[in-house]
Amino acid sequence: MSLPVDDASTAAVSGEWQRWLEQQRKWVDAAISTHLNELKSHPQPHSRLPAAVEYSLTQGGKRLRPVLVLESCRVCGGPSERALPAAIAVECVHTFSLIHDDLPALDDDELRRGRPTNHKVFGEAMALLAGDWLLAHAFAVLSADGIDGQLAADWVRMLSAGALGMVVGQGADIAGEGRPADAELVEFIHLHKTARLLETCCRMGARAADAPAETLELLGRFGRCLGQAFQVVDDLLDRTGSTARLGKRAGKDADVSKQTYPAVYGVDESRARARQLVESAVQALEPLGPRAERLHSLAQFVIMRDR
């Protein structure tokens, strides 16, 4: 179930913008497929590891993170193609986190995007290794031949911070299970588990365009608020959505007493807070003017999504 929105929000994510988003997703999917095909020139015949990596990395999904990288670059006046290595790298890190999240030792999920999770197809050991490979490979992508040395160094520093923040947030998420709902802990989890990586996406895209420090800060603030709103909506969808619609098991947060916005604030207040976070994200874009219109629409999309 998506959040209620006003007519202006609905208009912001309709028609032409939806077509643009689908084009961006297809471009990212094609870039990932091309990248994987290039890697196949160095086969690993004694392992199912490449198949396990490809299984999860090519599952599609919203591709929100790489799209944020590419569009942040464009907003700052750079060609999106220059940010493509960063877009692929952040999707590798995101996919790594999903594979590991689904393992029995963490969230113990059997479905991801409507398909069996990686460990259900390839076994727990190979799923662990697929996640490990994706995390390590992300940094190989950023430091490949042909990428400017200073840009590569900055990208590696940014993605390291985002990935570390994400893992810290996941650790707090696991530690908070079964404890009484705690507003301060929920804020910490959301800021680190989801928002840090989305903030990183925006910063990496802006850096690809050689944007000034103040623009990196604006886009970083946008990504941070957007990430917090995204996780609030995720919490709400787990509470109010269906397994069939979400493509993963619904209701699992409550089953293990996770620290979530609805657990602390209830459904209605959580919806209001999600809208406030999206408003804060949009406000961060104001100094960038009309060129940030698609990012504005992306923020509205996050609050309207139903999976």
Protein backbone atom coordinates (compact mmCIF):
# COMPACT_ATOMS: atom_id res chain seq x y z
CA MET A 1 0.00 0.00 0.00
CA SER A 2 1.47 3.33 -1.05
CA LEU A 3 1.29 6.47 1.04
CA PRO A 4 -1.50 8.97 0.34
CA VAL A 5 -0.25 11.88 -1.75
CA ASP A 6 -1.69 15.05 -3.15
CA ASP A 7 -2.43 15.77 -6.82
CA ALA A 8 0.76 17.77 -7.26
CA SER A 9 2.86 14.84 -6.06
CA THR A 10 1.04 12.47 -8.39
CA ALA A 11 1.58 14.77 -11.36
CA ALA A 12 5.28 15.02 -10.52
CA VAL A 13 5.79 11.31 -11.11
CA SER A 14 3.47 10.67 -14.03
CA GLY A 15 3.82 10.36 -17.79
CA GLU A 16 7.10 11.59 -19.17
CA TRP A 17 8.96 11.20 -15.87
CA GLN A 18 7.89 7.57 -15.51
CA ARG A 19 9.15 6.88 -19.03
CA TRP A 20 12.44 8.57 -18.20
CA LEU A 21 12.83 6.46 -15.06
CA GLU A 22 12.17 3.26 -17.00
CA GLN A 23 14.78 4.30 -19.57
CA GLN A 24 17.29 4.89 -16.79
CA ARG A 25 16.59 1.48 -15.31
CA LYS A 26 17.06 -0.19 -18.68
CA TRP A 27 20.32 1.70 -19.21
CA VAL A 28 21.61 0.57 -15.83
CA ASP A 29 20.51 -3.02 -16.51
CA ALA A 30 22.27 -2.98 -19.89
CA ALA A 31 25.44 -1.52 -18.37
CA ILE A 32 25.49 -4.22 -15.68
CA SER A 33 24.93 -6.96 -18.28
CA THR A 34 27.74 -5.58 -20.44
CA HIS A 35 30.02 -5.42 -17.42
CA LEU A 36 29.27 -9.02 -16.45
CA ASN A 37 29.84 -10.18 -20.03
CA GLU A 38 33.25 -8.53 -19.99
CA LEU A 39 34.10 -10.38 -16.78
CA LYS A 40 33.22 -13.68 -18.44
CA SER A 41 36.35 -13.32 -20.54
CA HIS A 42 38.12 -14.39 -17.32
CA PRO A 43 36.08 -17.52 -16.49
CA GLN A 44 36.10 -19.35 -13.16
CA PRO A 45 35.24 -22.87 -14.31
CA HIS A 46 35.59 -24.55 -10.91
CA SER A 47 32.95 -22.51 -9.08
CA ARG A 48 29.31 -21.49 -9.25
CA LEU A 49 30.31 -18.12 -7.84
CA PRO A 50 29.85 -16.18 -11.12
CA ALA A 51 26.37 -17.64 -11.52
CA ALA A 52 25.45 -16.70 -7.95
CA VAL A 53 26.68 -13.13 -8.50
CA GLU A 54 24.83 -12.79 -11.79
CA TYR A 55 21.63 -14.24 -10.32
CA SER A 56 21.26 -11.42 -7.81
CA LEU A 57 22.92 -8.55 -9.66
CA THR A 58 20.67 -8.93 -12.70
CA GLN A 59 17.38 -9.26 -10.81
CA GLY A 60 16.52 -5.67 -11.59
CA GLY A 61 14.53 -3.90 -8.92
CA LYS A 62 14.08 -0.16 -8.67
CA ARG A 63 17.77 0.63 -9.43
CA LEU A 64 17.24 3.72 -7.29
CA ARG A 65 20.86 3.98 -6.19
CA PRO A 66 22.55 3.92 -9.60
CA VAL A 67 19.89 6.25 -10.99
CA LEU A 68 20.69 8.70 -8.17
CA VAL A 69 24.37 8.55 -9.12
CA LEU A 70 23.71 9.21 -12.80
CA GLU A 71 21.16 11.96 -12.29
CA SER A 72 23.26 13.74 -9.65
CA CYS A 73 26.07 13.86 -12.19
CA ARG A 74 23.77 15.29 -14.86
CA VAL A 75 22.32 17.89 -12.47
CA CYS A 76 25.86 19.12 -11.85
CA GLY A 77 26.56 19.51 -15.56
CA GLY A 78 28.52 16.33 -16.18
CA PRO A 79 27.86 13.56 -18.72
CA SER A 80 26.07 10.65 -17.09
CA GLU A 81 28.48 8.23 -18.77
CA ARG A 82 31.32 9.52 -16.60
CA ALA A 83 29.42 8.40 -13.50
CA LEU A 84 28.64 4.92 -14.83
CA PRO A 85 31.45 3.13 -12.93
CA ALA A 86 30.15 4.66 -9.69
CA ALA A 87 26.60 3.61 -10.57
CA ILE A 88 27.68 0.00 -11.13
CA ALA A 89 29.78 0.02 -7.95
CA VAL A 90 26.97 1.20 -5.68
CA GLU A 91 24.62 -1.40 -7.14
CA CYS A 92 27.24 -4.06 -6.38
CA VAL A 93 27.35 -2.88 -2.76
CA HIS A 94 23.56 -2.75 -2.54
CA THR A 95 23.23 -6.25 -3.97
CA PHE A 96 25.86 -7.55 -1.55
CA SER A 97 23.78 -6.20 1.34
CA LEU A 98 20.60 -7.83 0.03
CA ILE A 99 22.21 -11.25 -0.39
CA HIS A 100 23.62 -11.18 3.12
CA ASP A 101 20.44 -9.70 4.63
CA ASP A 102 18.44 -12.64 3.32
CA LEU A 103 20.66 -15.28 4.95
CA PRO A 104 19.25 -17.35 7.85
CA ALA A 105 21.68 -15.72 10.28
CA LEU A 106 20.18 -12.29 9.53
CA ASP A 107 16.64 -11.81 8.18
CA ASP A 108 16.15 -15.41 7.01
CA ASP A 109 14.16 -14.58 3.87
CA GLU A 110 13.15 -17.00 1.13
CA LEU A 111 11.98 -14.42 -1.42
CA ARG A 112 13.63 -11.36 -2.95
CA ARG A 113 11.96 -9.45 -5.79
CA GLY A 114 9.55 -12.32 -6.25
CA ARG A 115 12.25 -14.97 -6.74
CA PRO A 116 13.98 -17.39 -4.37
CA THR A 117 16.78 -15.69 -2.46
CA ASN A 118 20.37 -16.38 -3.41
CA HIS A 119 21.08 -18.88 -0.66
CA LYS A 120 17.94 -20.85 -1.53
CA VAL A 121 19.32 -21.38 -5.05
CA PHE A 122 23.07 -21.62 -4.47
CA GLY A 123 23.39 -22.53 -0.79
CA GLU A 124 24.48 -20.41 2.15
CA ALA A 125 28.22 -20.74 1.57
CA MET A 126 28.05 -19.60 -2.06
CA ALA A 127 25.64 -16.77 -1.16
CA LEU A 128 28.12 -15.51 1.43
CA LEU A 129 30.90 -15.60 -1.13
CA ALA A 130 28.75 -13.89 -3.78
CA GLY A 131 28.16 -11.02 -1.37
CA ASP A 132 31.84 -10.88 -0.47
CA TRP A 133 32.79 -10.80 -4.16
CA LEU A 134 30.34 -8.00 -4.94
CA LEU A 135 31.63 -5.81 -2.11
CA ALA A 136 35.25 -6.28 -3.13
CA HIS A 137 34.46 -5.91 -6.82
CA ALA A 138 32.75 -2.56 -6.26
CA PHE A 139 36.08 -1.01 -5.36
CA ALA A 140 37.80 -2.71 -8.29
CA VAL A 141 35.26 -1.04 -10.59
CA LEU A 142 36.02 2.38 -9.12
CA SER A 143 39.78 2.01 -9.53
CA ALA A 144 39.86 0.41 -12.98
CA ASP A 145 42.25 1.53 -15.69
CA GLY A 146 41.12 4.68 -17.45
CA ILE A 147 39.56 6.37 -14.42
CA ASP A 148 41.30 9.53 -13.26
CA GLY A 149 43.37 8.76 -10.17
CA GLN A 150 41.99 11.55 -7.99
CA LEU A 151 38.41 10.76 -9.00
CA ALA A 152 38.98 7.07 -8.22
CA ALA A 153 40.44 7.93 -4.82
CA ASP A 154 37.51 10.21 -3.96
CA TRP A 155 34.98 7.62 -5.12
CA VAL A 156 36.62 4.89 -3.05
CA ARG A 157 36.62 7.14 0.02
CA MET A 158 32.95 8.03 -0.46
CA LEU A 159 31.76 4.49 -1.09
CA SER A 160 33.80 3.16 1.84
CA ALA A 161 32.03 5.62 4.15
CA GLY A 162 28.61 4.72 2.74
CA ALA A 163 29.18 0.96 2.94
CA LEU A 164 30.61 1.14 6.46
CA GLY A 165 27.65 3.25 7.58
CA MET A 166 25.25 0.73 6.07
CA VAL A 167 26.87 -2.19 7.88
CA VAL A 168 26.93 -0.28 11.18
CA GLY A 169 23.22 0.37 10.74
CA GLN A 170 22.55 -3.28 9.99
CA GLY A 171 24.43 -4.24 13.13
CA ALA A 172 22.26 -1.92 15.20
CA ASP A 173 19.18 -3.30 13.46
CA ILE A 174 20.06 -6.87 14.48
CA ALA A 175 21.00 -5.82 18.02
CA GLY A 176 17.69 -4.00 18.42
CA GLU A 177 15.52 -7.03 17.68
CA GLY A 178 13.31 -8.04 20.57
CA ARG A 179 13.96 -4.82 22.50
CA PRO A 180 11.27 -2.25 23.36
CA ALA A 181 10.71 0.26 20.57
CA ASP A 182 13.26 3.06 20.92
CA ALA A 183 12.93 6.26 18.88
CA GLU A 184 16.61 7.19 19.17
CA LEU A 185 17.71 3.73 18.06
CA VAL A 186 15.29 3.75 15.11
CA GLU A 187 16.70 7.08 13.93
CA PHE A 188 20.24 5.73 14.18
CA ILE A 189 19.36 2.58 12.23
CA HIS A 190 17.56 4.46 9.47
CA LEU A 191 20.28 7.07 9.11
CA HIS A 192 23.02 4.46 8.76
CA LYS A 193 21.35 1.38 7.28
CA THR A 194 19.71 3.14 4.32
CA ALA A 195 20.35 6.89 4.24
CA ARG A 196 24.16 6.75 4.27
CA LEU A 197 24.35 4.83 1.00
CA LEU A 198 21.79 7.04 -0.76
CA GLU A 199 23.70 10.11 0.40
CA THR A 200 26.85 8.49 -0.98
CA CYS A 201 25.18 7.93 -4.36
CA CYS A 202 24.39 11.61 -4.72
CA ARG A 203 27.86 12.68 -3.64
CA MET A 204 29.57 10.24 -6.01
CA GLY A 205 27.48 11.46 -8.94
CA ALA A 206 28.23 15.09 -8.15
CA ARG A 207 31.93 14.30 -7.79
CA ALA A 208 31.92 12.72 -11.26
CA ALA A 209 30.88 16.13 -12.59
CA ASP A 210 33.59 17.96 -10.58
CA ALA A 211 30.88 19.81 -8.67
CA PRO A 212 31.98 22.30 -5.98
CA ALA A 213 31.90 21.33 -2.31
CA GLU A 214 28.73 23.28 -1.58
CA THR A 215 26.85 21.38 -4.30
CA LEU A 216 28.08 18.06 -2.93
CA GLU A 217 26.70 19.11 0.44
CA LEU A 218 23.31 20.03 -1.01
CA LEU A 219 22.98 16.76 -2.89
CA GLY A 220 24.30 14.84 0.10
CA ARG A 221 21.59 16.35 2.28
CA PHE A 222 19.00 15.48 -0.35
CA GLY A 223 20.19 11.86 -0.47
CA ARG A 224 20.28 11.58 3.31
CA CYS A 225 16.71 12.81 3.77
CA LEU A 226 15.56 10.72 0.82
CA GLY A 227 17.16 7.64 2.34
CA GLN A 228 15.48 8.19 5.68
CA ALA A 229 12.12 8.63 3.96
CA PHE A 230 12.75 5.50 1.88
CA GLN A 231 13.33 3.42 5.01
CA VAL A 232 10.24 4.81 6.75
CA VAL A 233 8.17 3.80 3.72
CA ASP A 234 9.88 0.39 3.77
CA ASP A 235 8.82 -0.02 7.39
CA LEU A 236 5.27 0.95 6.51
CA LEU A 237 5.09 -1.41 3.54
CA ASP A 238 6.27 -4.29 5.70
CA ARG A 239 3.45 -3.48 8.11
CA THR A 240 0.67 -2.80 5.56
CA GLY A 241 1.74 -4.52 2.30
CA SER A 242 1.41 -8.07 1.02
CA THR A 243 4.07 -10.65 0.20
CA ALA A 244 2.73 -10.97 -3.35
CA ARG A 245 3.03 -7.23 -4.00
CA LEU A 246 6.33 -6.67 -2.23
CA GLY A 247 8.08 -9.69 -3.73
CA LYS A 248 9.41 -10.54 -0.26
CA ARG A 249 7.85 -11.72 2.99
CA ALA A 250 5.62 -9.06 4.53
CA GLY A 251 5.18 -8.68 8.27
CA LYS A 252 8.63 -10.00 9.17
CA ASP A 253 9.62 -6.84 11.09
CA ALA A 254 6.86 -7.33 13.63
CA ASP A 255 7.57 -11.06 13.82
CA VAL A 256 11.01 -10.40 15.31
CA SER A 257 10.14 -7.08 17.01
CA LYS A 258 12.44 -4.97 14.83
CA GLN A 259 13.07 -1.32 15.55
CA THR A 260 10.83 0.46 13.02
CA TYR A 261 8.99 3.74 12.64
CA PRO A 262 5.53 2.14 12.97
CA ALA A 263 6.67 0.34 16.14
CA VAL A 264 7.63 3.69 17.69
CA TYR A 265 5.15 6.14 16.18
CA GLY A 266 2.32 4.09 14.70
CA VAL A 267 1.25 4.01 11.06
CA ASP A 268 -0.34 7.45 10.71
CA GLU A 269 2.48 9.36 12.39
CA SER A 270 5.04 7.39 10.37
CA ARG A 271 3.31 8.45 7.15
CA ALA A 272 3.43 12.07 8.27
CA ARG A 273 7.12 11.80 9.11
CA ALA A 274 7.88 10.23 5.73
CA ARG A 275 6.23 13.20 4.02
CA GLN A 276 8.23 15.61 6.20
CA LEU A 277 11.47 13.91 5.23
CA VAL A 278 10.60 14.11 1.53
CA GLU A 279 9.84 17.81 1.97
CA SER A 280 13.26 18.28 3.59
CA ALA A 281 14.88 16.43 0.69
CA VAL A 282 13.16 18.66 -1.85
CA GLN A 283 14.09 21.81 0.08
CA ALA A 284 17.75 20.81 -0.18
CA LEU A 285 17.41 20.95 -3.97
CA GLU A 286 16.03 24.50 -4.12
CA PRO A 287 19.41 26.23 -4.76
CA LEU A 288 19.90 23.95 -7.79
CA GLY A 289 16.80 25.28 -9.54
CA PRO A 290 14.91 23.61 -12.42
CA ARG A 291 17.81 21.32 -13.34
CA ALA A 292 16.99 19.24 -10.25
CA GLU A 293 13.37 18.66 -11.30
CA ARG A 294 13.87 14.93 -11.92
CA LEU A 295 15.39 14.47 -8.47
CA HIS A 296 12.37 16.29 -7.07
CA SER A 297 10.14 13.78 -8.84
CA LEU A 298 12.29 10.91 -7.60
CA ALA A 299 11.62 12.03 -4.04
CA GLN A 300 7.87 11.99 -4.71
CA PHE A 301 8.21 8.54 -6.26
CA VAL A 302 9.82 7.22 -3.08
CA ILE A 303 6.84 8.23 -0.98
CA MET A 304 4.32 6.91 -3.51
CA ARG A 305 5.87 3.48 -4.07
CA ASP A 306 3.96 0.36 -3.10
CA ARG A 307 6.84 -2.16 -3.09
